[in-house]
Protein backbone atom coordinates (compact mmCIF):
# COMPACT_ATOMS: atom_id res chain seq x y z
CA UNK A 1 48.88 253.11 72.82
CA UNK A 2 51.72 255.05 74.51
CA UNK A 3 53.15 253.65 77.73
CA UNK A 4 51.85 256.52 79.89
CA UNK A 5 48.30 255.96 78.76
CA UNK A 6 48.50 252.23 79.31
CA UNK A 7 49.78 252.76 82.87
CA UNK A 8 46.95 255.20 83.55
CA UNK A 9 44.38 252.85 82.12
CA UNK A 10 45.75 249.94 84.19
CA UNK A 11 45.68 252.12 87.38
CA UNK A 12 42.12 253.27 86.67
CA UNK A 13 41.01 249.68 85.94
CA UNK A 14 42.52 248.56 89.19
CA UNK A 15 40.61 251.25 91.02
CA UNK A 16 37.32 250.21 89.46
CA UNK A 17 38.05 246.57 90.38
CA UNK A 18 38.77 247.57 93.95
CA UNK A 19 35.49 249.62 94.10
CA UNK A 20 33.52 246.70 92.68
CA UNK A 21 35.09 244.25 95.14
CA UNK A 22 34.27 246.71 98.01
CA UNK A 23 30.71 247.09 96.89
CA UNK A 24 30.27 243.27 96.69
CA UNK A 25 31.64 242.76 100.19
CA UNK A 26 29.19 245.44 101.58
CA UNK A 27 26.23 243.83 99.78
CA UNK A 28 27.13 240.36 101.02
CA UNK A 29 27.45 241.73 104.58
CA UNK A 30 24.10 243.43 104.18
CA UNK A 31 22.53 240.28 102.83
CA UNK A 32 23.79 238.25 105.81
CA UNK A 33 22.37 240.87 108.22
CA UNK A 34 19.02 240.88 106.48
CA UNK A 35 18.83 237.09 106.38
CA UNK A 36 19.53 236.96 110.17
CA UNK A 37 16.73 239.50 110.84
CA UNK A 38 14.31 237.63 108.63
CA UNK A 39 15.15 234.34 110.42
CA UNK A 40 14.65 236.07 113.85
CA UNK A 41 11.34 237.53 112.87
CA UNK A 42 10.13 234.16 111.53
CA UNK A 43 11.25 232.39 114.67
CA UNK A 44 9.36 234.95 116.74
CA UNK A 45 6.23 234.45 114.68
CA UNK A 46 6.57 230.67 114.92
CA UNK A 47 6.92 230.91 118.64
CA UNK A 48 3.61 232.78 118.73
CA UNK A 49 1.97 230.18 116.40
CA UNK A 50 1.55 232.82 113.70
CA UNK A 51 2.45 232.37 110.12
CA UNK A 52 4.84 234.91 108.53
CA UNK A 53 2.89 237.60 106.61
CA UNK A 54 5.05 237.49 103.54
CA UNK A 55 6.88 234.75 101.63
CA UNK A 56 10.50 234.57 102.57
CA UNK A 57 12.01 233.45 99.25
CA UNK A 58 9.96 230.40 98.49
CA UNK A 59 11.22 228.19 101.34
CA UNK A 60 9.11 225.13 102.01
CA UNK A 61 8.69 222.43 104.56
CA UNK A 62 7.02 222.06 107.93
CA UNK A 63 8.32 223.60 111.22
CA UNK A 64 9.75 226.61 109.49
CA UNK A 65 11.63 224.66 106.86
CA UNK A 66 13.36 222.36 109.33
CA UNK A 67 11.87 219.16 108.01
CA UNK A 68 12.48 217.72 104.55
CA UNK A 69 10.95 215.09 102.39
CA UNK A 70 12.46 211.77 103.21
CA UNK A 71 15.25 210.83 100.83
CA UNK A 72 15.54 214.43 99.46
CA UNK A 73 18.88 216.09 98.81
CA UNK A 74 18.21 218.69 101.53
CA UNK A 75 17.57 215.86 104.08
CA UNK A 76 20.89 214.36 103.16
CA UNK A 77 22.64 217.82 103.42
CA UNK A 78 21.10 218.39 106.85
CA UNK A 79 22.35 214.97 108.04
CA UNK A 80 25.87 215.75 106.84
CA UNK A 81 25.93 219.21 108.47
CA UNK A 82 24.59 217.81 111.71
CA UNK A 83 28.00 216.37 112.42
CA UNK A 84 28.89 219.96 113.37
CA UNK A 85 31.42 222.51 112.20
CA UNK A 86 31.76 224.47 109.00
CA UNK A 87 32.07 222.48 105.79
CA UNK A 88 32.86 223.32 102.15
CA UNK A 89 30.38 222.50 99.45
CA UNK A 90 32.64 219.80 98.04
CA UNK A 91 32.84 218.13 101.48
CA UNK A 92 29.12 218.35 101.94
CA UNK A 93 28.65 216.78 98.46
CA UNK A 94 31.03 214.01 99.35
CA UNK A 95 29.23 213.36 102.63
CA UNK A 96 25.88 213.21 100.88
CA UNK A 97 27.18 210.54 98.52
CA UNK A 98 28.86 208.63 101.39
CA UNK A 99 25.48 208.57 103.17
CA UNK A 100 24.07 206.77 100.10
CA UNK A 101 22.18 209.53 98.20
CA UNK A 102 21.26 208.10 94.82
CA UNK A 103 21.50 210.41 91.84
CA UNK A 104 22.52 210.59 88.22
CA UNK A 105 23.14 214.37 88.50
CA UNK A 106 26.42 215.23 86.85
CA UNK A 107 26.50 218.68 88.59
CA UNK A 108 25.64 217.44 92.13
CA UNK A 109 27.93 220.02 93.86
CA UNK A 110 26.07 222.88 92.09
CA UNK A 111 22.76 221.38 93.25
CA UNK A 112 24.06 221.06 96.73
CA UNK A 113 25.25 224.76 96.70
CA UNK A 114 21.81 225.88 95.53
CA UNK A 115 19.97 223.77 98.13
CA UNK A 116 22.24 225.23 100.87
CA UNK A 117 21.13 228.66 100.07
CA UNK A 118 17.47 227.71 100.36
CA UNK A 119 17.78 226.06 103.75
CA UNK A 120 16.85 228.44 106.56
CA UNK A 121 18.88 226.60 109.23
CA UNK A 122 22.08 226.82 107.20
CA UNK A 123 24.37 229.80 107.58
CA UNK A 124 26.90 230.79 105.01
CA UNK A 125 30.23 231.34 106.77
CA UNK A 126 32.24 232.41 103.69
CA UNK A 127 32.80 231.57 100.10
CA UNK A 128 31.63 228.03 99.66
CA UNK A 129 31.60 227.34 103.44
CA UNK A 130 28.33 226.53 105.41
CA UNK A 131 27.27 225.33 108.83
CA UNK A 132 24.02 224.74 110.71
CA UNK A 133 22.80 227.69 112.73
């Protein structure tokens, strides 16, 4: 391939990558906005002692997902995040283990990351960073 064509191809590829990154940022922002609105509506319905009309992604647990089965990974995650502040998934995973969570899971950090996205009271602050709402 001639040099001019390679340069043009690289430039157009860079443009495509920039467009995809921009679209991803917009979608993540929209998702965070929608999740906030869903949480607000669910909170309003709970305050009126009314159950939400539609499922909100399979979340489970009493009191709007704020209680967890004793000894569960989500309970340990909640305890770790209760110390306050924003934490990375690896730090949350370390905290869970430090609190004595027993597991043979070889991919615990991945399981922690998945659990964090399912917990209503947890807010994503950035890539791999979470805090309690």
